[in-house]
């Protein structure tokens, strides 16, 4: 299967009563060894941080993962761009968002945890109809309010044919 890194996984309504219900995941890596991504629309209930935090998934991770939409924050030699207009951040990028001045608008998300799949696990879930795959860009990720991201991206259901 071709790598889906940089695409969005949209949870289909069949994923009821699970962590992934109504989630949108940016796949950061995908290969025959498995897949790794972050949930874009699951805010974490935290206080006392100078930036919003998101729950990237049920898998624990030491530290934070950051994505942002600012090419000038990264060294072109070391830049990691999972999809057009979205870059992986580092500690220096996180320090930039800690000092946001009023009136400045930055495009970023910081995550605790991640979503991961072992070899062929994601492919099985896709075959079972758990996920829709959508191409992604920074405009898609950062352009919609978080609470509307899933409803904007979920593909419409195909109506059942009439038996009349």
N, C-alpha and C. Protein backbone atom coordinates (compact mmCIF):
# COMPACT_ATOMS: atom_id res chain seq x y z
N UNK A 1 0.84 -1.18 0.00
CA UNK A 1 0.00 0.00 0.00
C UNK A 1 0.88 1.25 0.00
N UNK A 2 0.48 2.23 -0.73
CA UNK A 2 1.19 3.50 -0.78
C UNK A 2 1.10 4.20 0.58
N UNK A 3 2.15 4.88 0.97
CA UNK A 3 2.18 5.57 2.25
C UNK A 3 1.10 6.65 2.30
N UNK A 4 0.42 6.71 3.42
CA UNK A 4 -0.61 7.73 3.65
C UNK A 4 -0.09 8.86 4.53
N UNK A 5 1.21 8.91 4.78
CA UNK A 5 1.78 9.97 5.61
C UNK A 5 1.38 11.32 5.04
N UNK A 6 0.92 12.20 5.91
CA UNK A 6 0.48 13.53 5.50
C UNK A 6 -1.00 13.61 5.23
N UNK A 7 -1.69 12.48 5.17
CA UNK A 7 -3.14 12.48 4.94
C UNK A 7 -3.86 12.58 6.28
N UNK A 8 -5.15 12.87 6.19
CA UNK A 8 -6.00 12.89 7.37
C UNK A 8 -6.83 11.62 7.41
N UNK A 9 -6.93 11.02 8.59
CA UNK A 9 -7.86 9.93 8.83
C UNK A 9 -9.07 10.54 9.51
N UNK A 10 -10.23 10.30 8.92
CA UNK A 10 -11.48 10.81 9.47
C UNK A 10 -12.24 9.62 10.03
N UNK A 11 -12.52 9.64 11.33
CA UNK A 11 -13.24 8.53 11.96
C UNK A 11 -14.66 8.47 11.41
N UNK A 12 -15.02 7.31 10.91
CA UNK A 12 -16.39 7.11 10.43
C UNK A 12 -17.30 6.87 11.63
N UNK A 13 -18.60 7.11 11.46
CA UNK A 13 -19.54 6.96 12.58
C UNK A 13 -19.56 5.57 13.21
N UNK A 14 -19.00 4.55 12.56
CA UNK A 14 -18.96 3.21 13.17
C UNK A 14 -18.05 3.16 14.39
N UNK A 15 -17.18 4.14 14.57
CA UNK A 15 -16.29 4.17 15.73
C UNK A 15 -16.97 4.84 16.91
N UNK A 16 -18.12 4.32 17.29
CA UNK A 16 -18.87 4.85 18.43
C UNK A 16 -18.25 4.35 19.72
N UNK A 17 -18.42 5.14 20.75
CA UNK A 17 -18.01 4.77 22.09
C UNK A 17 -16.56 4.31 22.17
N UNK A 18 -15.70 4.95 21.42
CA UNK A 18 -14.27 4.67 21.52
C UNK A 18 -13.54 6.00 21.61
N UNK A 19 -12.26 5.94 21.94
CA UNK A 19 -11.46 7.15 22.01
C UNK A 19 -11.51 7.91 20.69
N UNK A 20 -11.62 7.18 19.59
CA UNK A 20 -11.52 7.79 18.27
C UNK A 20 -12.84 8.31 17.70
N UNK A 21 -13.92 8.24 18.45
CA UNK A 21 -15.21 8.73 17.97
C UNK A 21 -15.09 10.20 17.54
N UNK A 22 -15.47 10.48 16.31
CA UNK A 22 -15.48 11.82 15.71
C UNK A 22 -14.12 12.52 15.76
N UNK A 23 -13.06 11.75 15.51
CA UNK A 23 -11.73 12.35 15.51
C UNK A 23 -11.22 12.55 14.09
N UNK A 24 -10.27 13.45 13.98
CA UNK A 24 -9.52 13.70 12.75
C UNK A 24 -8.05 13.56 13.12
N UNK A 25 -7.36 12.66 12.42
CA UNK A 25 -5.96 12.36 12.74
C UNK A 25 -5.06 12.73 11.57
N UNK A 26 -4.02 13.46 11.85
CA UNK A 26 -2.98 13.72 10.86
C UNK A 26 -1.95 12.61 10.98
N UNK A 27 -1.80 11.83 9.90
CA UNK A 27 -0.79 10.77 9.89
C UNK A 27 0.58 11.40 9.63
N UNK A 28 1.48 11.22 10.56
CA UNK A 28 2.83 11.75 10.42
C UNK A 28 3.77 10.74 9.79
N UNK A 29 3.51 9.45 10.00
CA UNK A 29 4.30 8.38 9.39
C UNK A 29 3.37 7.23 9.04
N UNK A 30 3.68 6.54 7.94
CA UNK A 30 2.92 5.35 7.55
C UNK A 30 3.80 4.52 6.64
N UNK A 31 4.03 3.27 7.05
CA UNK A 31 4.84 2.34 6.26
C UNK A 31 4.39 0.93 6.59
N UNK A 32 5.10 -0.06 6.03
CA UNK A 32 4.76 -1.45 6.33
C UNK A 32 5.02 -1.79 7.80
N UNK A 33 5.75 -0.93 8.50
CA UNK A 33 6.03 -1.15 9.93
C UNK A 33 4.92 -0.63 10.82
N UNK A 34 3.98 0.14 10.27
CA UNK A 34 2.88 0.68 11.06
C UNK A 34 2.62 2.14 10.72
N UNK A 35 1.87 2.79 11.59
CA UNK A 35 1.50 4.19 11.36
C UNK A 35 1.52 4.95 12.69
N UNK A 36 1.68 6.27 12.57
CA UNK A 36 1.81 7.14 13.73
C UNK A 36 1.18 8.48 13.36
N UNK A 37 0.35 9.03 14.23
CA UNK A 37 -0.26 10.32 13.96
C UNK A 37 -0.76 10.98 15.23
N UNK A 38 -1.42 12.14 15.07
CA UNK A 38 -1.97 12.88 16.20
C UNK A 38 -3.41 13.28 15.91
N UNK A 39 -4.24 13.20 16.94
CA UNK A 39 -5.63 13.63 16.84
C UNK A 39 -5.65 15.15 16.87
N UNK A 40 -6.25 15.74 15.85
CA UNK A 40 -6.24 17.20 15.72
C UNK A 40 -7.35 17.90 16.51
N UNK A 41 -8.40 17.18 16.84
CA UNK A 41 -9.58 17.85 17.40
C UNK A 41 -9.99 17.33 18.78
N UNK A 42 -9.02 17.04 19.62
CA UNK A 42 -9.31 16.58 20.98
C UNK A 42 -8.56 17.48 21.98
N UNK A 43 -9.12 18.65 22.35
CA UNK A 43 -8.45 19.53 23.31
C UNK A 43 -8.27 18.84 24.67
N UNK A 44 -7.16 19.11 25.31
CA UNK A 44 -6.88 18.56 26.64
C UNK A 44 -7.35 19.56 27.69
N UNK A 45 -7.99 19.08 28.74
CA UNK A 45 -8.46 19.98 29.81
C UNK A 45 -7.31 20.33 30.76
N UNK A 46 -6.48 21.28 30.38
CA UNK A 46 -5.35 21.69 31.21
C UNK A 46 -5.41 23.18 31.48
N UNK A 47 -4.78 23.55 32.59
CA UNK A 47 -4.68 24.96 32.96
C UNK A 47 -3.21 25.29 33.16
N UNK A 48 -2.93 26.56 33.25
CA UNK A 48 -1.58 27.03 33.57
C UNK A 48 -0.55 26.73 32.49
N UNK A 49 -0.97 26.62 31.26
CA UNK A 49 -0.04 26.53 30.13
C UNK A 49 -0.24 27.79 29.28
N UNK A 50 0.83 28.30 28.69
CA UNK A 50 0.68 29.51 27.87
C UNK A 50 0.15 29.22 26.46
N UNK A 51 -0.24 27.96 26.19
CA UNK A 51 -0.78 27.59 24.88
C UNK A 51 -1.76 26.45 25.08
N UNK A 52 -2.70 26.27 24.13
CA UNK A 52 -3.62 25.13 24.24
C UNK A 52 -2.90 23.81 23.97
N UNK A 53 -3.37 22.77 24.63
CA UNK A 53 -2.79 21.44 24.48
C UNK A 53 -3.86 20.49 23.97
N UNK A 54 -3.46 19.54 23.13
CA UNK A 54 -4.39 18.57 22.56
C UNK A 54 -3.94 17.16 22.93
N UNK A 55 -4.91 16.25 23.04
CA UNK A 55 -4.62 14.84 23.28
C UNK A 55 -4.39 14.20 21.92
N UNK A 56 -3.16 13.88 21.61
CA UNK A 56 -2.80 13.34 20.30
C UNK A 56 -3.23 11.91 20.08
N UNK A 57 -3.55 11.22 21.16
CA UNK A 57 -3.99 9.84 21.06
C UNK A 57 -3.84 9.12 22.38
N UNK A 58 -4.25 7.87 22.40
CA UNK A 58 -4.21 7.11 23.65
C UNK A 58 -2.82 6.59 24.03
N UNK A 59 -1.85 6.66 23.13
CA UNK A 59 -0.50 6.17 23.41
C UNK A 59 0.30 7.25 24.14
N UNK A 60 0.96 6.86 25.20
CA UNK A 60 1.75 7.80 26.01
C UNK A 60 3.05 8.13 25.30
N UNK A 61 3.53 9.36 25.56
CA UNK A 61 4.74 9.86 24.93
C UNK A 61 5.46 10.75 25.93
N UNK A 62 6.77 10.59 26.07
CA UNK A 62 7.55 11.47 26.94
C UNK A 62 7.80 12.77 26.18
N UNK A 63 7.19 13.84 26.60
CA UNK A 63 7.37 15.12 25.94
C UNK A 63 6.15 15.52 25.14
N UNK A 64 6.33 16.48 24.26
CA UNK A 64 5.25 17.03 23.46
C UNK A 64 5.57 16.90 21.98
N UNK A 65 4.53 16.86 21.17
CA UNK A 65 4.67 16.87 19.71
C UNK A 65 4.01 18.16 19.24
N UNK A 66 4.63 18.83 18.30
CA UNK A 66 4.08 20.10 17.79
C UNK A 66 4.04 20.09 16.28
N UNK A 67 2.94 20.61 15.74
CA UNK A 67 2.86 20.94 14.31
C UNK A 67 2.55 22.43 14.22
N UNK A 68 2.98 23.05 13.13
CA UNK A 68 2.71 24.47 12.95
C UNK A 68 2.66 24.80 11.45
N UNK A 69 2.22 25.99 11.14
CA UNK A 69 2.08 26.42 9.76
C UNK A 69 3.03 27.53 9.36
N UNK A 70 4.23 27.57 9.95
CA UNK A 70 5.16 28.68 9.73
C UNK A 70 6.51 28.17 9.21
N UNK A 71 6.68 28.20 7.90
CA UNK A 71 7.92 27.71 7.29
C UNK A 71 9.14 28.47 7.81
N UNK A 72 8.99 29.74 8.15
CA UNK A 72 10.12 30.54 8.62
C UNK A 72 10.58 30.16 10.03
N UNK A 73 9.87 29.28 10.72
CA UNK A 73 10.28 28.83 12.04
C UNK A 73 11.27 27.68 11.97
N UNK A 74 11.48 27.12 10.81
CA UNK A 74 12.32 25.93 10.70
C UNK A 74 13.47 26.17 9.74
N UNK A 75 14.55 25.47 9.98
CA UNK A 75 15.71 25.50 9.11
C UNK A 75 15.36 24.70 7.85
N UNK A 76 15.49 25.30 6.66
CA UNK A 76 15.15 24.57 5.42
C UNK A 76 15.90 23.25 5.27
N UNK A 77 17.09 23.14 5.84
CA UNK A 77 17.88 21.92 5.76
C UNK A 77 17.29 20.80 6.61
N UNK A 78 16.62 21.16 7.69
CA UNK A 78 16.10 20.17 8.64
C UNK A 78 14.58 20.10 8.63
N UNK A 79 13.93 20.83 7.78
CA UNK A 79 12.48 20.97 7.77
C UNK A 79 11.79 19.64 7.50
N UNK A 80 10.80 19.33 8.31
CA UNK A 80 9.95 18.17 8.11
C UNK A 80 8.54 18.68 7.86
N UNK A 81 8.03 18.39 6.66
CA UNK A 81 6.72 18.91 6.23
C UNK A 81 5.83 17.71 5.87
N UNK A 82 5.04 17.21 6.85
CA UNK A 82 4.21 16.03 6.58
C UNK A 82 3.19 16.23 5.47
N UNK A 83 2.67 17.44 5.34
CA UNK A 83 1.77 17.78 4.24
C UNK A 83 1.99 19.25 3.92
N UNK A 84 1.54 19.72 2.75
CA UNK A 84 1.81 21.11 2.37
C UNK A 84 1.31 22.11 3.42
N UNK A 85 2.23 22.95 3.88
CA UNK A 85 1.88 24.00 4.83
C UNK A 85 1.81 23.57 6.28
N UNK A 86 2.26 22.36 6.60
CA UNK A 86 2.29 21.87 7.98
C UNK A 86 3.70 21.36 8.26
N UNK A 87 4.30 21.84 9.35
CA UNK A 87 5.68 21.52 9.69
C UNK A 87 5.74 20.94 11.10
N UNK A 88 6.68 20.02 11.32
CA UNK A 88 6.92 19.51 12.67
C UNK A 88 7.75 20.53 13.42
N UNK A 89 7.33 20.80 14.64
CA UNK A 89 8.03 21.79 15.46
C UNK A 89 9.01 21.14 16.41
N UNK A 90 9.83 21.98 17.02
CA UNK A 90 10.81 21.54 18.01
C UNK A 90 10.70 22.45 19.24
N UNK A 91 11.62 22.30 20.17
CA UNK A 91 11.58 23.08 21.41
C UNK A 91 11.64 24.59 21.12
N UNK A 92 12.40 24.99 20.12
CA UNK A 92 12.48 26.41 19.77
C UNK A 92 11.12 26.93 19.30
N UNK A 93 10.40 26.12 18.53
CA UNK A 93 9.06 26.51 18.07
C UNK A 93 8.10 26.65 19.24
N UNK A 94 8.21 25.75 20.20
CA UNK A 94 7.33 25.83 21.38
C UNK A 94 7.63 27.09 22.18
N UNK A 95 8.90 27.49 22.26
CA UNK A 95 9.23 28.72 22.98
C UNK A 95 8.63 29.94 22.27
N UNK A 96 8.50 29.90 20.96
CA UNK A 96 7.88 31.01 20.22
C UNK A 96 6.42 31.20 20.63
N UNK A 97 5.70 30.10 20.81
CA UNK A 97 4.27 30.23 21.13
C UNK A 97 4.03 30.50 22.60
N UNK A 98 5.07 30.34 23.43
CA UNK A 98 4.93 30.64 24.85
C UNK A 98 4.92 32.14 25.09
N UNK A 99 5.43 32.90 24.14
CA UNK A 99 5.53 34.35 24.28
C UNK A 99 4.65 35.09 23.27
N UNK A 100 3.46 34.55 22.98
CA UNK A 100 2.58 35.17 22.00
C UNK A 100 2.08 36.51 22.54
N UNK A 101 2.26 37.54 21.74
CA UNK A 101 1.76 38.85 22.12
C UNK A 101 0.32 38.99 21.66
N UNK A 102 -0.44 39.78 22.39
CA UNK A 102 -1.84 39.98 22.03
C UNK A 102 -1.94 40.56 20.62
N UNK A 103 -2.82 40.02 19.82
CA UNK A 103 -3.00 40.45 18.44
C UNK A 103 -2.23 39.59 17.44
N UNK A 104 -1.25 38.82 17.91
CA UNK A 104 -0.53 37.92 17.02
C UNK A 104 -1.32 36.63 16.87
N UNK A 105 -1.35 36.11 15.66
CA UNK A 105 -2.03 34.84 15.43
C UNK A 105 -1.06 33.86 14.81
N UNK A 106 -0.87 32.77 15.51
CA UNK A 106 0.00 31.71 15.03
C UNK A 106 -0.84 30.48 14.70
N UNK A 107 -0.37 29.70 13.76
CA UNK A 107 -1.01 28.44 13.41
C UNK A 107 -0.18 27.32 14.00
N UNK A 108 -0.70 26.67 15.02
CA UNK A 108 0.05 25.59 15.66
C UNK A 108 -0.90 24.71 16.47
N UNK A 109 -0.42 23.51 16.78
CA UNK A 109 -1.07 22.61 17.74
C UNK A 109 0.04 21.87 18.47
N UNK A 110 -0.15 21.72 19.77
CA UNK A 110 0.79 21.00 20.61
C UNK A 110 0.04 19.81 21.21
N UNK A 111 0.67 18.64 21.19
CA UNK A 111 0.01 17.40 21.58
C UNK A 111 0.76 16.68 22.69
N UNK A 112 -0.02 16.07 23.54
CA UNK A 112 0.49 15.10 24.49
C UNK A 112 -0.07 13.75 24.05
N UNK A 113 0.75 12.76 23.94
CA UNK A 113 0.31 11.45 23.45
C UNK A 113 0.23 11.41 21.93
N UNK A 114 -0.02 10.19 21.42
CA UNK A 114 -0.12 10.02 19.98
C UNK A 114 -1.01 8.83 19.67
N UNK A 115 -1.34 8.66 18.41
CA UNK A 115 -2.12 7.52 17.92
C UNK A 115 -1.18 6.64 17.10
N UNK A 116 -1.17 5.35 17.42
CA UNK A 116 -0.24 4.46 16.72
C UNK A 116 -0.90 3.15 16.32
N UNK A 117 -0.41 2.58 15.24
CA UNK A 117 -0.88 1.31 14.71
C UNK A 117 0.31 0.44 14.38
N UNK A 118 0.20 -0.85 14.64
CA UNK A 118 1.23 -1.81 14.28
C UNK A 118 1.14 -2.17 12.81
N UNK A 119 2.03 -3.07 12.35
CA UNK A 119 2.01 -3.48 10.95
C UNK A 119 0.63 -4.00 10.53
N UNK A 120 0.12 -3.47 9.44
CA UNK A 120 -1.17 -3.85 8.83
C UNK A 120 -2.41 -3.53 9.68
N UNK A 121 -2.24 -3.01 10.88
CA UNK A 121 -3.41 -2.73 11.73
C UNK A 121 -4.29 -1.63 11.14
N UNK A 122 -3.70 -0.53 10.70
CA UNK A 122 -4.49 0.55 10.12
C UNK A 122 -5.16 0.08 8.83
N UNK A 123 -4.47 -0.67 8.03
CA UNK A 123 -5.05 -1.17 6.77
C UNK A 123 -6.28 -2.05 7.06
N UNK A 124 -6.20 -2.88 8.10
CA UNK A 124 -7.37 -3.70 8.48
C UNK A 124 -8.53 -2.82 8.92
N UNK A 125 -8.25 -1.80 9.72
CA UNK A 125 -9.30 -0.90 10.18
C UNK A 125 -9.93 -0.15 9.01
N UNK A 126 -9.13 0.21 8.02
CA UNK A 126 -9.67 0.89 6.85
C UNK A 126 -10.55 -0.07 6.04
N UNK A 127 -10.13 -1.31 5.90
CA UNK A 127 -10.93 -2.32 5.19
C UNK A 127 -12.26 -2.55 5.90
N UNK A 128 -12.26 -2.47 7.23
CA UNK A 128 -13.48 -2.64 8.02
C UNK A 128 -14.39 -1.42 7.93
N UNK A 129 -13.93 -0.33 7.33
CA UNK A 129 -14.75 0.87 7.18
C UNK A 129 -14.68 1.83 8.34
N UNK A 130 -13.63 1.74 9.16
CA UNK A 130 -13.51 2.62 10.33
C UNK A 130 -13.02 4.02 9.99
N UNK A 131 -12.28 4.15 8.90
CA UNK A 131 -11.63 5.42 8.57
C UNK A 131 -11.87 5.83 7.12
N UNK A 132 -12.04 7.13 6.92
CA UNK A 132 -12.00 7.73 5.59
C UNK A 132 -10.65 8.45 5.49
N UNK A 133 -10.08 8.51 4.31
CA UNK A 133 -8.79 9.16 4.11
C UNK A 133 -9.01 10.38 3.23
N UNK A 134 -8.47 11.52 3.68
CA UNK A 134 -8.63 12.79 2.97
C UNK A 134 -7.26 13.43 2.85
N UNK A 135 -6.96 14.00 1.69
CA UNK A 135 -5.71 14.75 1.53
C UNK A 135 -5.73 15.95 2.46
N UNK A 136 -4.57 16.38 2.86
CA UNK A 136 -4.49 17.45 3.84
C UNK A 136 -3.56 18.57 3.40
N UNK A 137 -3.82 19.74 3.94
CA UNK A 137 -2.95 20.91 3.80
C UNK A 137 -3.05 21.72 5.07
N UNK A 138 -2.17 22.66 5.21
CA UNK A 138 -2.24 23.57 6.35
C UNK A 138 -3.54 24.33 6.40
N UNK A 139 -4.07 24.71 5.22
CA UNK A 139 -5.35 25.43 5.19
C UNK A 139 -6.48 24.58 5.77
N UNK A 140 -6.48 23.29 5.47
CA UNK A 140 -7.52 22.40 6.00
C UNK A 140 -7.35 22.25 7.51
N UNK A 141 -6.14 22.00 7.96
CA UNK A 141 -5.88 21.74 9.38
C UNK A 141 -6.09 22.98 10.24
N UNK A 142 -5.55 24.10 9.82
CA UNK A 142 -5.61 25.30 10.65
C UNK A 142 -6.77 26.22 10.29
N UNK A 143 -7.49 25.93 9.19
CA UNK A 143 -8.52 26.84 8.70
C UNK A 143 -9.91 26.65 9.28
N UNK A 144 -10.17 25.54 9.96
CA UNK A 144 -11.51 25.28 10.50
C UNK A 144 -11.45 25.33 12.02
N UNK A 145 -12.52 25.83 12.64
CA UNK A 145 -12.57 25.76 14.11
C UNK A 145 -12.49 24.29 14.55
N UNK A 146 -11.79 24.04 15.62
CA UNK A 146 -11.55 22.68 16.09
C UNK A 146 -12.85 21.91 16.28
N UNK A 147 -13.86 22.54 16.83
CA UNK A 147 -15.12 21.84 17.09
C UNK A 147 -15.89 21.52 15.81
N UNK A 148 -15.50 22.08 14.68
CA UNK A 148 -16.17 21.81 13.40
C UNK A 148 -15.35 20.94 12.45
N UNK A 149 -14.12 20.62 12.81
CA UNK A 149 -13.21 19.93 11.89
C UNK A 149 -13.79 18.60 11.41
N UNK A 150 -14.28 17.76 12.31
CA UNK A 150 -14.80 16.44 11.92
C UNK A 150 -16.03 16.58 11.03
N UNK A 151 -16.97 17.44 11.40
CA UNK A 151 -18.20 17.57 10.60
C UNK A 151 -17.92 18.16 9.22
N UNK A 152 -16.90 18.97 9.10
CA UNK A 152 -16.54 19.52 7.78
C UNK A 152 -15.88 18.49 6.88
N UNK A 153 -15.18 17.52 7.47
CA UNK A 153 -14.38 16.59 6.69
C UNK A 153 -15.00 15.22 6.48
N UNK A 154 -15.94 14.80 7.31
CA UNK A 154 -16.50 13.45 7.17
C UNK A 154 -17.22 13.35 5.82
N UNK A 155 -16.89 12.33 5.04
CA UNK A 155 -17.58 12.17 3.75
C UNK A 155 -19.06 11.87 3.98
N UNK A 156 -19.91 12.33 3.07
CA UNK A 156 -21.34 12.04 3.23
C UNK A 156 -21.61 10.55 3.12
N UNK A 157 -22.61 10.12 3.84
CA UNK A 157 -22.99 8.70 3.78
C UNK A 157 -23.68 8.41 2.46
N UNK A 158 -23.45 7.22 1.96
CA UNK A 158 -24.13 6.80 0.73
C UNK A 158 -25.50 6.28 1.14
N UNK A 159 -26.57 6.82 0.60
CA UNK A 159 -27.89 6.35 1.01
C UNK A 159 -28.12 4.90 0.60
N UNK A 160 -28.86 4.21 1.44
CA UNK A 160 -29.22 2.83 1.14
C UNK A 160 -30.21 2.81 -0.02
N UNK A 161 -30.06 1.89 -0.97
CA UNK A 161 -31.01 1.83 -2.07
C UNK A 161 -32.38 1.38 -1.57
N UNK A 162 -33.39 1.90 -2.19
CA UNK A 162 -34.76 1.55 -1.83
C UNK A 162 -35.08 0.15 -2.32
N UNK A 163 -35.84 -0.59 -1.52
CA UNK A 163 -36.23 -1.94 -1.91
C UNK A 163 -37.61 -1.96 -2.55
N UNK A 164 -38.17 -0.80 -2.83
CA UNK A 164 -39.51 -0.73 -3.46
C UNK A 164 -39.45 -0.97 -4.93
